[in-house]
């Protein structure tokens, strides 16, 4: 099955065709098992196969359980069939007013988490650290759990895979601020530019730049000297 995704980057519409995530995950399992067949020990094979196999089993179980929420019939052999039939049944229930907003939100959240889980496995996001301070909390560096220092804002994206920022997420480790998708990335750029403009126009920065230019220690009025 081929899936077409459409991205709008405000200048052109980009169409990306690829196999469905389930097909890609299944291929990853098959490829991994074929590759590991040449390994000597069973433990090496298990390490190679376990993660992809576990995720595929999770999706298969989820699809089977979803299917059984709309019918008492025997589930189909594949998760694709179960999900397709569940969606038809669930959509009919929703149109007839038999699905609450809460249940609708739960199903949407569950499906999105599964899509993200598989996507993270197949296409790990690229991580980029922003060299500017966070425009919200103004932190540039934060401590990690390992007690080392890292940049406050990190951007994770799959632009190399999708050719778009639609799957990008920027997060500040200092204050938890988040910017998502292409619009969020543009918002972050604007906020950083505005923050830097305000910082460069401050008396402290004027004092620093003047001192740097002429090699003389100046103090702006009211700065305590």
N, C-alpha and C. Protein backbone atom coordinates (compact mmCIF):
# COMPACT_ATOMS: atom_id res chain seq x y z
N UNK A 1 0.84 -1.20 0.00
CA UNK A 1 0.00 0.00 0.00
C UNK A 1 0.88 1.25 0.00
N UNK A 2 0.55 2.19 -0.88
CA UNK A 2 1.30 3.43 -0.97
C UNK A 2 0.48 4.56 -0.35
N UNK A 3 1.13 5.36 0.47
CA UNK A 3 0.48 6.49 1.12
C UNK A 3 1.01 7.78 0.53
N UNK A 4 0.12 8.70 0.25
CA UNK A 4 0.54 10.01 -0.25
C UNK A 4 0.32 11.05 0.84
N UNK A 5 1.37 11.79 1.19
CA UNK A 5 1.26 12.87 2.16
C UNK A 5 1.49 14.18 1.44
N UNK A 6 0.67 15.18 1.78
CA UNK A 6 0.76 16.48 1.15
C UNK A 6 1.20 17.50 2.18
N UNK A 7 2.26 18.24 1.89
CA UNK A 7 2.76 19.26 2.79
C UNK A 7 2.66 20.61 2.09
N UNK A 8 2.31 21.62 2.85
CA UNK A 8 2.24 22.98 2.32
C UNK A 8 3.27 23.83 3.02
N UNK A 9 4.31 24.26 2.27
CA UNK A 9 5.34 25.08 2.90
C UNK A 9 5.15 26.56 2.56
N UNK A 10 3.91 26.92 2.17
CA UNK A 10 3.51 28.31 1.87
C UNK A 10 4.15 28.82 0.57
N UNK A 11 4.89 28.00 -0.13
CA UNK A 11 5.41 28.41 -1.42
C UNK A 11 5.09 27.38 -2.50
N UNK A 12 4.90 26.14 -2.07
CA UNK A 12 4.58 25.07 -3.01
C UNK A 12 3.98 23.91 -2.26
N UNK A 13 3.22 23.10 -2.96
CA UNK A 13 2.67 21.89 -2.39
C UNK A 13 3.59 20.73 -2.71
N UNK A 14 4.04 20.03 -1.69
CA UNK A 14 4.98 18.92 -1.86
C UNK A 14 4.26 17.61 -1.61
N UNK A 15 4.31 16.71 -2.58
CA UNK A 15 3.66 15.41 -2.44
C UNK A 15 4.74 14.34 -2.26
N UNK A 16 4.60 13.56 -1.22
CA UNK A 16 5.57 12.51 -0.92
C UNK A 16 4.85 11.18 -0.91
N UNK A 17 5.33 10.25 -1.73
CA UNK A 17 4.72 8.92 -1.80
C UNK A 17 5.65 7.90 -1.13
N UNK A 18 5.08 7.06 -0.30
CA UNK A 18 5.88 6.03 0.35
C UNK A 18 4.96 4.92 0.81
N UNK A 19 5.54 3.77 1.15
CA UNK A 19 4.75 2.67 1.68
C UNK A 19 4.13 3.08 3.01
N UNK A 20 3.02 2.44 3.36
CA UNK A 20 2.41 2.72 4.65
C UNK A 20 3.39 2.39 5.76
N UNK A 21 3.20 3.01 6.93
CA UNK A 21 4.11 2.77 8.04
C UNK A 21 4.13 1.30 8.45
N UNK A 22 2.97 0.64 8.39
CA UNK A 22 2.94 -0.77 8.76
C UNK A 22 3.75 -1.62 7.78
N UNK A 23 3.65 -1.30 6.49
CA UNK A 23 4.47 -2.03 5.51
C UNK A 23 5.95 -1.79 5.75
N UNK A 24 6.30 -0.54 6.04
CA UNK A 24 7.71 -0.23 6.31
C UNK A 24 8.21 -0.94 7.56
N UNK A 25 7.37 -0.99 8.60
CA UNK A 25 7.78 -1.67 9.83
C UNK A 25 7.93 -3.17 9.59
N UNK A 26 7.01 -3.73 8.82
CA UNK A 26 7.08 -5.16 8.51
C UNK A 26 8.33 -5.47 7.69
N UNK A 27 8.64 -4.57 6.75
CA UNK A 27 9.86 -4.76 5.96
C UNK A 27 11.10 -4.68 6.84
N UNK A 28 11.06 -3.77 7.83
CA UNK A 28 12.21 -3.63 8.74
C UNK A 28 12.42 -4.91 9.54
N UNK A 29 11.32 -5.53 9.96
CA UNK A 29 11.42 -6.79 10.70
C UNK A 29 12.00 -7.88 9.81
N UNK A 30 11.47 -7.98 8.58
CA UNK A 30 11.94 -9.02 7.66
C UNK A 30 13.41 -8.82 7.31
N UNK A 31 13.78 -7.57 7.04
CA UNK A 31 15.16 -7.26 6.69
C UNK A 31 16.11 -7.57 7.85
N UNK A 32 15.66 -7.20 9.06
CA UNK A 32 16.50 -7.43 10.23
C UNK A 32 16.69 -8.92 10.49
N UNK A 33 15.63 -9.69 10.31
CA UNK A 33 15.72 -11.13 10.55
C UNK A 33 16.61 -11.80 9.51
N UNK A 34 16.50 -11.33 8.26
CA UNK A 34 17.34 -11.90 7.21
C UNK A 34 18.81 -11.58 7.46
N UNK A 35 19.05 -10.33 7.92
CA UNK A 35 20.43 -9.91 8.19
C UNK A 35 21.02 -10.67 9.36
N UNK A 36 20.18 -10.88 10.39
CA UNK A 36 20.70 -11.52 11.60
C UNK A 36 20.79 -13.03 11.49
N UNK A 37 20.26 -13.60 10.41
CA UNK A 37 20.32 -15.05 10.23
C UNK A 37 21.75 -15.54 10.14
N UNK A 38 22.65 -14.66 9.72
CA UNK A 38 24.05 -15.04 9.60
C UNK A 38 24.83 -14.89 10.90
N UNK A 39 24.18 -14.31 11.95
CA UNK A 39 24.86 -14.13 13.22
C UNK A 39 25.04 -15.49 13.91
N UNK A 40 26.04 -15.59 14.74
CA UNK A 40 26.38 -16.87 15.36
C UNK A 40 25.43 -17.21 16.49
N UNK A 41 25.21 -16.24 17.40
CA UNK A 41 24.46 -16.57 18.61
C UNK A 41 23.02 -16.09 18.53
N UNK A 42 22.14 -16.80 19.24
CA UNK A 42 20.72 -16.42 19.29
C UNK A 42 20.55 -15.08 19.98
N UNK A 43 21.40 -14.81 20.97
CA UNK A 43 21.28 -13.54 21.71
C UNK A 43 21.50 -12.35 20.79
N UNK A 44 22.43 -12.48 19.83
CA UNK A 44 22.68 -11.40 18.88
C UNK A 44 21.46 -11.19 17.99
N UNK A 45 20.82 -12.27 17.60
CA UNK A 45 19.63 -12.15 16.76
C UNK A 45 18.51 -11.46 17.53
N UNK A 46 18.34 -11.82 18.79
CA UNK A 46 17.27 -11.23 19.60
C UNK A 46 17.46 -9.73 19.75
N UNK A 47 18.72 -9.30 19.95
CA UNK A 47 18.99 -7.87 20.10
C UNK A 47 18.63 -7.12 18.84
N UNK A 48 18.92 -7.72 17.68
CA UNK A 48 18.64 -7.06 16.42
C UNK A 48 17.15 -6.98 16.13
N UNK A 49 16.41 -8.03 16.47
CA UNK A 49 15.02 -8.14 16.04
C UNK A 49 14.01 -7.60 17.05
N UNK A 50 14.34 -7.60 18.31
CA UNK A 50 13.34 -7.43 19.37
C UNK A 50 12.53 -6.14 19.26
N UNK A 51 13.18 -5.00 19.03
CA UNK A 51 12.48 -3.72 19.07
C UNK A 51 11.43 -3.61 17.96
N UNK A 52 11.82 -3.91 16.72
CA UNK A 52 10.88 -3.82 15.61
C UNK A 52 9.76 -4.85 15.75
N UNK A 53 10.11 -6.06 16.17
CA UNK A 53 9.09 -7.11 16.36
C UNK A 53 8.09 -6.70 17.45
N UNK A 54 8.63 -6.16 18.54
CA UNK A 54 7.76 -5.73 19.64
C UNK A 54 6.79 -4.65 19.19
N UNK A 55 7.27 -3.69 18.42
CA UNK A 55 6.40 -2.62 17.95
C UNK A 55 5.34 -3.14 16.98
N UNK A 56 5.71 -4.07 16.12
CA UNK A 56 4.75 -4.66 15.20
C UNK A 56 3.67 -5.43 15.96
N UNK A 57 4.08 -6.15 17.00
CA UNK A 57 3.10 -6.90 17.81
C UNK A 57 2.17 -5.94 18.55
N UNK A 58 2.72 -4.81 19.03
CA UNK A 58 1.88 -3.82 19.70
C UNK A 58 0.79 -3.30 18.77
N UNK A 59 1.17 -3.01 17.53
CA UNK A 59 0.21 -2.48 16.56
C UNK A 59 -0.83 -3.55 16.21
N UNK A 60 -0.38 -4.78 16.04
CA UNK A 60 -1.31 -5.86 15.71
C UNK A 60 -2.34 -6.05 16.83
N UNK A 61 -1.89 -6.02 18.08
CA UNK A 61 -2.80 -6.17 19.22
C UNK A 61 -3.76 -4.98 19.31
N UNK A 62 -3.25 -3.76 19.10
CA UNK A 62 -4.10 -2.58 19.15
C UNK A 62 -5.18 -2.64 18.07
N UNK A 63 -4.78 -3.01 16.85
CA UNK A 63 -5.73 -3.08 15.74
C UNK A 63 -6.82 -4.11 16.02
N UNK A 64 -6.41 -5.25 16.59
CA UNK A 64 -7.38 -6.30 16.91
C UNK A 64 -8.37 -5.83 17.98
N UNK A 65 -7.87 -5.14 19.01
CA UNK A 65 -8.74 -4.65 20.08
C UNK A 65 -9.69 -3.57 19.58
N UNK A 66 -9.18 -2.68 18.73
CA UNK A 66 -10.04 -1.63 18.17
C UNK A 66 -11.16 -2.26 17.34
N UNK A 67 -10.81 -3.23 16.53
CA UNK A 67 -11.80 -3.90 15.68
C UNK A 67 -12.93 -4.49 16.52
N UNK A 68 -12.56 -5.11 17.65
CA UNK A 68 -13.55 -5.77 18.50
C UNK A 68 -14.42 -4.78 19.28
N UNK A 69 -14.08 -3.48 19.23
CA UNK A 69 -14.95 -2.49 19.88
C UNK A 69 -16.15 -2.12 19.01
N UNK A 70 -16.11 -2.50 17.72
CA UNK A 70 -17.23 -2.14 16.84
C UNK A 70 -17.96 -3.36 16.30
N UNK A 71 -17.47 -4.56 16.60
CA UNK A 71 -18.10 -5.77 16.10
C UNK A 71 -17.72 -6.96 16.96
N UNK A 72 -18.56 -8.00 16.91
CA UNK A 72 -18.26 -9.25 17.62
C UNK A 72 -17.69 -10.29 16.66
N UNK A 73 -17.51 -9.90 15.41
CA UNK A 73 -17.00 -10.83 14.40
C UNK A 73 -15.53 -11.16 14.65
N UNK A 74 -15.10 -12.26 14.09
CA UNK A 74 -13.71 -12.69 14.22
C UNK A 74 -12.78 -11.67 13.56
N UNK A 75 -11.71 -11.28 14.24
CA UNK A 75 -10.78 -10.32 13.64
C UNK A 75 -10.14 -10.86 12.37
N UNK A 76 -9.67 -9.96 11.53
CA UNK A 76 -9.00 -10.32 10.29
C UNK A 76 -7.55 -10.70 10.57
N UNK A 77 -6.90 -11.32 9.61
CA UNK A 77 -5.51 -11.76 9.83
C UNK A 77 -4.50 -10.62 9.96
N UNK A 78 -4.75 -9.48 9.30
CA UNK A 78 -3.74 -8.42 9.30
C UNK A 78 -4.23 -7.18 10.04
N UNK A 79 -3.32 -6.40 10.61
CA UNK A 79 -3.71 -5.16 11.29
C UNK A 79 -4.31 -4.14 10.33
N UNK A 80 -3.86 -4.14 9.06
CA UNK A 80 -4.43 -3.21 8.08
C UNK A 80 -5.93 -3.47 7.90
N UNK A 81 -6.29 -4.74 7.77
CA UNK A 81 -7.71 -5.08 7.59
C UNK A 81 -8.53 -4.72 8.84
N UNK A 82 -7.99 -5.02 10.01
CA UNK A 82 -8.70 -4.73 11.25
C UNK A 82 -8.87 -3.22 11.44
N UNK A 83 -7.82 -2.45 11.14
CA UNK A 83 -7.93 -1.00 11.28
C UNK A 83 -8.91 -0.41 10.28
N UNK A 84 -8.88 -0.92 9.05
CA UNK A 84 -9.79 -0.40 8.02
C UNK A 84 -11.25 -0.65 8.41
N UNK A 85 -11.54 -1.87 8.87
CA UNK A 85 -12.92 -2.20 9.24
C UNK A 85 -13.33 -1.48 10.52
N UNK A 86 -12.38 -1.33 11.45
CA UNK A 86 -12.70 -0.55 12.66
C UNK A 86 -13.05 0.88 12.29
N UNK A 87 -12.27 1.47 11.41
CA UNK A 87 -12.50 2.87 11.04
C UNK A 87 -13.88 3.05 10.40
N UNK A 88 -14.27 2.10 9.56
CA UNK A 88 -15.60 2.18 8.94
C UNK A 88 -16.69 2.13 10.01
N UNK A 89 -16.57 1.16 10.92
CA UNK A 89 -17.56 1.02 11.98
C UNK A 89 -17.58 2.21 12.93
N UNK A 90 -16.38 2.67 13.30
CA UNK A 90 -16.28 3.80 14.22
C UNK A 90 -16.83 5.07 13.58
N UNK A 91 -16.55 5.27 12.30
CA UNK A 91 -17.06 6.45 11.59
C UNK A 91 -18.58 6.45 11.55
N UNK A 92 -19.17 5.28 11.33
CA UNK A 92 -20.64 5.19 11.31
C UNK A 92 -21.22 5.53 12.68
N UNK A 93 -20.58 5.03 13.74
CA UNK A 93 -21.04 5.35 15.09
C UNK A 93 -20.91 6.84 15.37
N UNK A 94 -19.82 7.45 14.91
CA UNK A 94 -19.61 8.88 15.14
C UNK A 94 -20.65 9.70 14.40
N UNK A 95 -20.94 9.33 13.16
CA UNK A 95 -21.94 10.07 12.39
C UNK A 95 -23.33 9.98 12.99
N UNK A 96 -23.60 8.86 13.67
CA UNK A 96 -24.92 8.69 14.28
C UNK A 96 -24.98 9.26 15.69
N UNK A 97 -23.93 9.94 16.12
CA UNK A 97 -23.92 10.60 17.43
C UNK A 97 -23.70 9.67 18.60
N UNK A 98 -23.11 8.50 18.38
CA UNK A 98 -22.93 7.52 19.44
C UNK A 98 -21.51 7.50 20.01
N UNK A 99 -20.71 8.48 19.60
CA UNK A 99 -19.33 8.57 20.10
C UNK A 99 -19.15 9.91 20.80
N UNK A 100 -18.78 9.87 22.07
CA UNK A 100 -18.59 11.11 22.83
C UNK A 100 -17.30 11.81 22.39
N UNK A 101 -17.21 13.09 22.69
CA UNK A 101 -16.00 13.85 22.38
C UNK A 101 -14.79 13.25 23.11
N UNK A 102 -15.03 12.77 24.33
CA UNK A 102 -13.93 12.19 25.11
C UNK A 102 -13.37 10.95 24.43
N UNK A 103 -14.26 10.06 23.97
CA UNK A 103 -13.83 8.83 23.31
C UNK A 103 -13.14 9.17 21.99
N UNK A 104 -13.67 10.14 21.26
CA UNK A 104 -13.06 10.55 20.01
C UNK A 104 -11.62 11.04 20.24
N UNK A 105 -11.44 11.83 21.30
CA UNK A 105 -10.11 12.32 21.62
C UNK A 105 -9.16 11.20 22.02
N UNK A 106 -9.68 10.22 22.77
CA UNK A 106 -8.85 9.09 23.19
C UNK A 106 -8.37 8.27 21.99
N UNK A 107 -9.26 8.03 21.05
CA UNK A 107 -8.88 7.25 19.86
C UNK A 107 -7.87 8.02 19.01
N UNK A 108 -8.10 9.32 18.85
CA UNK A 108 -7.18 10.14 18.05
C UNK A 108 -5.80 10.16 18.69
N UNK A 109 -5.75 10.30 20.01
CA UNK A 109 -4.47 10.33 20.72
C UNK A 109 -3.75 8.99 20.61
N UNK A 110 -4.51 7.91 20.71
CA UNK A 110 -3.91 6.57 20.64
C UNK A 110 -3.31 6.32 19.27
N UNK A 111 -4.04 6.65 18.23
CA UNK A 111 -3.54 6.43 16.87
C UNK A 111 -2.32 7.30 16.59
N UNK A 112 -2.37 8.55 17.05
CA UNK A 112 -1.24 9.45 16.83
C UNK A 112 0.01 8.93 17.55
N UNK A 113 -0.15 8.38 18.75
CA UNK A 113 1.00 7.86 19.49
C UNK A 113 1.61 6.66 18.77
N UNK A 114 0.78 5.84 18.14
CA UNK A 114 1.29 4.69 17.40
C UNK A 114 2.04 5.14 16.14
N UNK A 115 1.47 6.12 15.44
CA UNK A 115 2.14 6.67 14.25
C UNK A 115 3.51 7.22 14.64
N UNK A 116 3.55 7.98 15.74
CA UNK A 116 4.81 8.56 16.20
C UNK A 116 5.80 7.47 16.61
N UNK A 117 5.32 6.44 17.28
CA UNK A 117 6.18 5.34 17.73
C UNK A 117 6.87 4.66 16.54
N UNK A 118 6.09 4.36 15.49
CA UNK A 118 6.66 3.69 14.33
C UNK A 118 7.58 4.63 13.56
N UNK A 119 7.15 5.88 13.42
CA UNK A 119 7.95 6.87 12.68
C UNK A 119 9.30 7.08 13.37
N UNK A 120 9.29 7.13 14.70
CA UNK A 120 10.54 7.30 15.45
C UNK A 120 11.47 6.11 15.24
N UNK A 121 10.87 4.95 15.06
CA UNK A 121 11.67 3.74 14.83
C UNK A 121 12.27 3.73 13.43
N UNK A 122 11.44 4.04 12.44
CA UNK A 122 11.87 3.95 11.04
C UNK A 122 12.67 5.15 10.59
N UNK A 123 12.26 6.33 11.05
CA UNK A 123 12.90 7.58 10.63
C UNK A 123 13.25 8.41 11.86
N UNK A 124 14.27 8.03 12.60
CA UNK A 124 14.62 8.80 13.80
C UNK A 124 14.83 10.26 13.45
N UNK A 125 14.23 11.17 14.21
CA UNK A 125 14.36 12.59 13.90
C UNK A 125 15.79 13.10 14.08
N UNK A 126 16.18 14.02 13.22
CA UNK A 126 17.48 14.67 13.37
C UNK A 126 17.35 15.72 14.48
N UNK A 127 18.36 15.81 15.31
CA UNK A 127 18.33 16.75 16.43
C UNK A 127 19.34 17.87 16.21
N UNK A 128 18.86 19.10 16.31
CA UNK A 128 19.72 20.28 16.12
C UNK A 128 19.56 21.19 17.33
N UNK A 129 20.68 21.65 17.87
CA UNK A 129 20.63 22.58 18.99
C UNK A 129 20.69 24.01 18.47
N UNK A 130 19.77 24.85 18.97
CA UNK A 130 19.73 26.26 18.58
C UNK A 130 20.74 27.04 19.40
N UNK A 131 21.54 27.85 18.74
CA UNK A 131 22.63 28.56 19.42
C UNK A 131 22.18 29.85 20.08
N UNK A 132 20.93 30.22 19.90
CA UNK A 132 20.40 31.44 20.55
C UNK A 132 19.69 31.08 21.85
N UNK A 133 19.61 32.01 22.79
CA UNK A 133 18.86 31.76 24.02
C UNK A 133 17.37 31.58 23.73
N UNK A 134 16.69 30.91 24.62
CA UNK A 134 15.24 30.75 24.49
C UNK A 134 14.58 32.13 24.59
N UNK A 135 13.73 32.50 23.66
CA UNK A 135 13.10 33.82 23.71
C UNK A 135 12.06 33.95 24.83
N UNK A 136 11.68 32.82 25.43
CA UNK A 136 10.68 32.85 26.51
C UNK A 136 11.35 32.99 27.89
N UNK A 137 12.34 32.12 28.16
CA UNK A 137 12.97 32.14 29.50
C UNK A 137 14.38 32.72 29.47
N UNK A 138 14.90 32.96 28.26
CA UNK A 138 16.22 33.58 28.04
C UNK A 138 17.39 32.70 28.48
N UNK A 139 17.14 31.42 28.68
CA UNK A 139 18.24 30.51 29.02
C UNK A 139 18.93 30.06 27.74
N UNK A 140 20.25 30.00 27.78
CA UNK A 140 21.04 29.52 26.66
C UNK A 140 21.53 28.10 26.89
N UNK A 141 21.91 27.81 28.15
CA UNK A 141 22.40 26.48 28.53
C UNK A 141 21.56 25.93 29.67
N UNK A 142 21.39 24.61 29.67
CA UNK A 142 20.71 23.93 30.78
C UNK A 142 21.47 22.66 31.10
N UNK A 143 21.31 22.17 32.32
CA UNK A 143 21.95 20.92 32.73
C UNK A 143 21.07 19.73 32.36
N UNK A 144 21.70 18.67 31.88
CA UNK A 144 20.98 17.45 31.55
C UNK A 144 20.91 16.55 32.78
N UNK A 145 20.20 15.44 32.65
CA UNK A 145 20.12 14.48 33.75
C UNK A 145 21.49 13.90 34.09
N UNK A 146 22.39 13.90 33.10
CA UNK A 146 23.74 13.38 33.34
C UNK A 146 24.66 14.45 33.90
N UNK A 147 24.07 15.61 34.27
CA UNK A 147 24.80 16.73 34.87
C UNK A 147 25.81 17.35 33.91
N UNK A 148 25.57 17.22 32.62
CA UNK A 148 26.39 17.93 31.64
C UNK A 148 25.55 19.10 31.10
N UNK A 149 26.20 20.02 30.40
CA UNK A 149 25.50 21.18 29.90
C UNK A 149 25.16 21.02 28.42
N UNK A 150 23.99 21.51 28.03
CA UNK A 150 23.59 21.49 26.63
C UNK A 150 22.78 22.73 26.31
N UNK A 151 22.61 23.04 25.05
CA UNK A 151 21.81 24.18 24.64
C UNK A 151 20.37 24.02 25.10
N UNK A 152 19.74 25.13 25.40
CA UNK A 152 18.37 25.06 25.94
C UNK A 152 17.37 24.58 24.90
N UNK A 153 17.45 25.10 23.66
CA UNK A 153 16.46 24.76 22.65
C UNK A 153 17.00 23.70 21.69
N UNK A 154 16.22 22.65 21.52
CA UNK A 154 16.57 21.59 20.57
C UNK A 154 15.43 21.43 19.57
N UNK A 155 15.80 21.32 18.30
CA UNK A 155 14.81 21.09 17.24
C UNK A 155 14.97 19.67 16.73
N UNK A 156 13.86 18.96 16.67
CA UNK A 156 13.86 17.62 16.09
C UNK A 156 13.00 17.65 14.84
N UNK A 157 13.55 17.18 13.73
CA UNK A 157 12.80 17.21 12.48
C UNK A 157 13.14 16.01 11.61
N UNK A 158 12.29 15.77 10.63
CA UNK A 158 12.52 14.73 9.63
C UNK A 158 12.49 15.36 8.24
N UNK A 159 13.10 16.52 8.13
CA UNK A 159 13.05 17.25 6.87
C UNK A 159 13.73 16.48 5.75
N UNK A 160 14.76 15.69 6.09
CA UNK A 160 15.45 14.91 5.07
C UNK A 160 14.54 13.83 4.49
N UNK A 161 13.59 13.33 5.32
CA UNK A 161 12.69 12.27 4.87
C UNK A 161 11.48 12.84 4.16
N UNK A 162 10.86 13.88 4.77
CA UNK A 162 9.61 14.40 4.23
C UNK A 162 9.77 15.66 3.39
N UNK A 163 10.97 16.26 3.40
CA UNK A 163 11.18 17.48 2.63
C UNK A 163 10.34 18.63 3.11
N UNK A 164 9.99 18.62 4.39
CA UNK A 164 9.11 19.63 4.95
C UNK A 164 9.36 19.76 6.45
N UNK A 165 8.97 20.91 7.01
CA UNK A 165 9.06 21.12 8.46
C UNK A 165 7.78 20.71 9.17
N UNK A 166 6.86 20.05 8.46
CA UNK A 166 5.58 19.69 9.07
C UNK A 166 5.74 18.78 10.27
N UNK A 167 6.84 18.02 10.32
CA UNK A 167 7.04 17.10 11.44
C UNK A 167 8.09 17.60 12.42
N UNK A 168 8.41 18.89 12.34
CA UNK A 168 9.45 19.45 13.22
C UNK A 168 8.86 19.89 14.55
N UNK A 169 9.66 19.74 15.61
CA UNK A 169 9.28 20.18 16.94
C UNK A 169 10.48 20.80 17.62
N UNK A 170 10.30 21.99 18.15
CA UNK A 170 11.36 22.65 18.92
C UNK A 170 10.91 22.72 20.38
N UNK A 171 11.82 22.40 21.30
CA UNK A 171 11.48 22.39 22.71
C UNK A 171 12.59 23.05 23.52
N UNK A 172 12.20 23.88 24.47
CA UNK A 172 13.17 24.46 25.40
C UNK A 172 13.24 23.59 26.63
N UNK A 173 14.44 23.10 26.95
CA UNK A 173 14.62 22.27 28.13
C UNK A 173 14.55 23.10 29.42
N UNK A 174 14.67 24.41 29.27
CA UNK A 174 14.65 25.27 30.45
C UNK A 174 13.27 25.55 30.97
N UNK A 175 12.35 25.93 30.06
CA UNK A 175 11.00 26.32 30.50
C UNK A 175 9.90 25.44 29.94
N UNK A 176 10.26 24.53 29.02
CA UNK A 176 9.26 23.62 28.46
C UNK A 176 8.48 24.18 27.29
N UNK A 177 8.80 25.39 26.85
CA UNK A 177 8.11 25.98 25.70
C UNK A 177 8.30 25.09 24.47
N UNK A 178 7.24 24.98 23.65
CA UNK A 178 7.28 24.10 22.48
C UNK A 178 6.75 24.82 21.25
N UNK A 179 7.40 24.58 20.14
CA UNK A 179 6.96 25.10 18.85
C UNK A 179 6.87 23.92 17.89
N UNK A 180 5.75 23.77 17.19
CA UNK A 180 5.56 22.59 16.35
C UNK A 180 5.24 22.97 14.90
N UNK A 181 5.63 22.09 14.01
CA UNK A 181 5.37 22.18 12.57
C UNK A 181 6.03 23.42 11.95
N UNK A 182 5.80 23.61 10.68
CA UNK A 182 6.43 24.71 9.96
C UNK A 182 6.07 26.07 10.53
N UNK A 183 4.79 26.24 10.86
CA UNK A 183 4.36 27.53 11.42
C UNK A 183 5.05 27.79 12.75
N UNK A 184 5.20 26.76 13.55
CA UNK A 184 5.88 26.91 14.83
C UNK A 184 7.34 27.27 14.67
N UNK A 185 7.99 26.69 13.64
CA UNK A 185 9.40 27.01 13.40
C UNK A 185 9.56 28.47 12.98
N UNK A 186 8.62 28.97 12.17
CA UNK A 186 8.67 30.38 11.78
C UNK A 186 8.41 31.29 12.98
N UNK A 187 7.50 30.86 13.86
CA UNK A 187 7.21 31.62 15.07
C UNK A 187 8.44 31.69 15.97
N UNK A 188 9.15 30.57 16.10
CA UNK A 188 10.36 30.53 16.92
C UNK A 188 11.42 31.47 16.34
N UNK A 189 11.59 31.44 15.03
CA UNK A 189 12.58 32.33 14.40
C UNK A 189 12.24 33.80 14.67
N UNK A 190 10.95 34.12 14.56
CA UNK A 190 10.51 35.51 14.80
C UNK A 190 10.74 35.90 16.26
N UNK A 191 10.42 35.00 17.19
CA UNK A 191 10.60 35.30 18.61
C UNK A 191 12.08 35.49 18.94
N UNK A 192 12.94 34.66 18.37
CA UNK A 192 14.38 34.80 18.60
C UNK A 192 14.88 36.14 18.06
N UNK A 193 14.44 36.50 16.84
CA UNK A 193 14.86 37.77 16.25
C UNK A 193 14.41 38.94 17.11
N UNK A 194 13.16 38.89 17.58
CA UNK A 194 12.64 39.96 18.43
C UNK A 194 13.40 40.05 19.75
N UNK A 195 13.70 38.89 20.33
CA UNK A 195 14.43 38.85 21.59
C UNK A 195 15.84 39.42 21.43
N UNK A 196 16.51 39.06 20.32
CA UNK A 196 17.85 39.56 20.08
C UNK A 196 17.85 41.06 19.82
N UNK A 197 16.80 41.55 19.14
CA UNK A 197 16.69 42.99 18.89
C UNK A 197 16.55 43.75 20.20
N UNK A 198 15.70 43.25 21.09
CA UNK A 198 15.52 43.91 22.38
C UNK A 198 16.81 43.88 23.19
N UNK A 199 17.50 42.73 23.13
CA UNK A 199 18.74 42.60 23.90
C UNK A 199 19.82 43.53 23.35
N UNK A 200 19.91 43.66 22.04
CA UNK A 200 20.93 44.52 21.42
C UNK A 200 20.66 46.00 21.63
N UNK A 201 19.39 46.33 21.90
CA UNK A 201 19.03 47.73 22.11
C UNK A 201 19.11 48.14 23.57
N UNK A 202 19.51 47.24 24.46
CA UNK A 202 19.55 47.55 25.88
C UNK A 202 20.78 48.37 26.23
N UNK A 203 20.72 49.18 27.30
CA UNK A 203 21.89 49.97 27.72
C UNK A 203 23.12 49.11 27.98
N UNK A 204 22.94 47.92 28.53
CA UNK A 204 24.07 47.04 28.83
C UNK A 204 24.80 46.66 27.54
N UNK A 205 24.04 46.33 26.49
CA UNK A 205 24.66 45.94 25.23
C UNK A 205 25.34 47.13 24.57
N UNK A 206 24.71 48.31 24.66
CA UNK A 206 25.34 49.51 24.10
C UNK A 206 26.67 49.78 24.80
N UNK A 207 26.65 49.64 26.13
CA UNK A 207 27.87 49.83 26.91
C UNK A 207 28.94 48.83 26.50
N UNK A 208 28.55 47.57 26.36
CA UNK A 208 29.50 46.51 26.00
C UNK A 208 30.08 46.73 24.62
N UNK A 209 29.22 47.07 23.64
CA UNK A 209 29.70 47.26 22.29
C UNK A 209 30.61 48.49 22.17
N UNK A 210 30.27 49.56 22.91
CA UNK A 210 31.13 50.75 22.89
C UNK A 210 32.50 50.42 23.46
N UNK A 211 32.50 49.70 24.56
CA UNK A 211 33.77 49.31 25.20
C UNK A 211 34.59 48.43 24.26
N UNK A 212 33.89 47.51 23.55
CA UNK A 212 34.58 46.62 22.63
C UNK A 212 35.21 47.40 21.47
N UNK A 213 34.50 48.42 20.99
CA UNK A 213 34.98 49.19 19.84
C UNK A 213 36.19 50.06 20.16
N UNK A 214 36.15 50.72 21.31
CA UNK A 214 37.20 51.71 21.58
C UNK A 214 38.17 51.28 22.68
N UNK A 215 37.93 50.11 23.28
CA UNK A 215 38.86 49.62 24.28
C UNK A 215 38.86 50.44 25.55
N UNK A 216 37.72 50.98 25.91
CA UNK A 216 37.63 51.81 27.11
C UNK A 216 36.40 51.40 27.90
N UNK A 217 36.54 51.35 29.19
CA UNK A 217 35.45 50.95 30.08
C UNK A 217 34.49 52.10 30.28
N UNK A 218 33.31 52.01 29.64
CA UNK A 218 32.27 53.01 29.81
C UNK A 218 31.18 52.44 30.70
N UNK A 219 30.53 53.29 31.44
CA UNK A 219 29.39 52.90 32.25
C UNK A 219 28.23 53.80 31.94
N UNK A 220 27.10 53.20 31.54
CA UNK A 220 25.92 53.99 31.27
C UNK A 220 25.40 54.60 32.55
N UNK A 221 24.83 55.82 32.50
CA UNK A 221 24.26 56.44 33.70
C UNK A 221 23.25 55.51 34.37
N UNK A 222 23.39 55.39 35.71
CA UNK A 222 22.45 54.56 36.45
C UNK A 222 22.88 53.13 36.59
N UNK A 223 24.05 52.77 36.07
CA UNK A 223 24.54 51.38 36.17
C UNK A 223 25.39 51.13 37.40
N UNK A 224 25.45 52.15 38.32
CA UNK A 224 26.11 51.88 39.60
C UNK A 224 27.51 52.37 39.69
N UNK A 225 28.02 53.09 38.67
CA UNK A 225 29.38 53.62 38.73
C UNK A 225 29.36 55.09 38.38
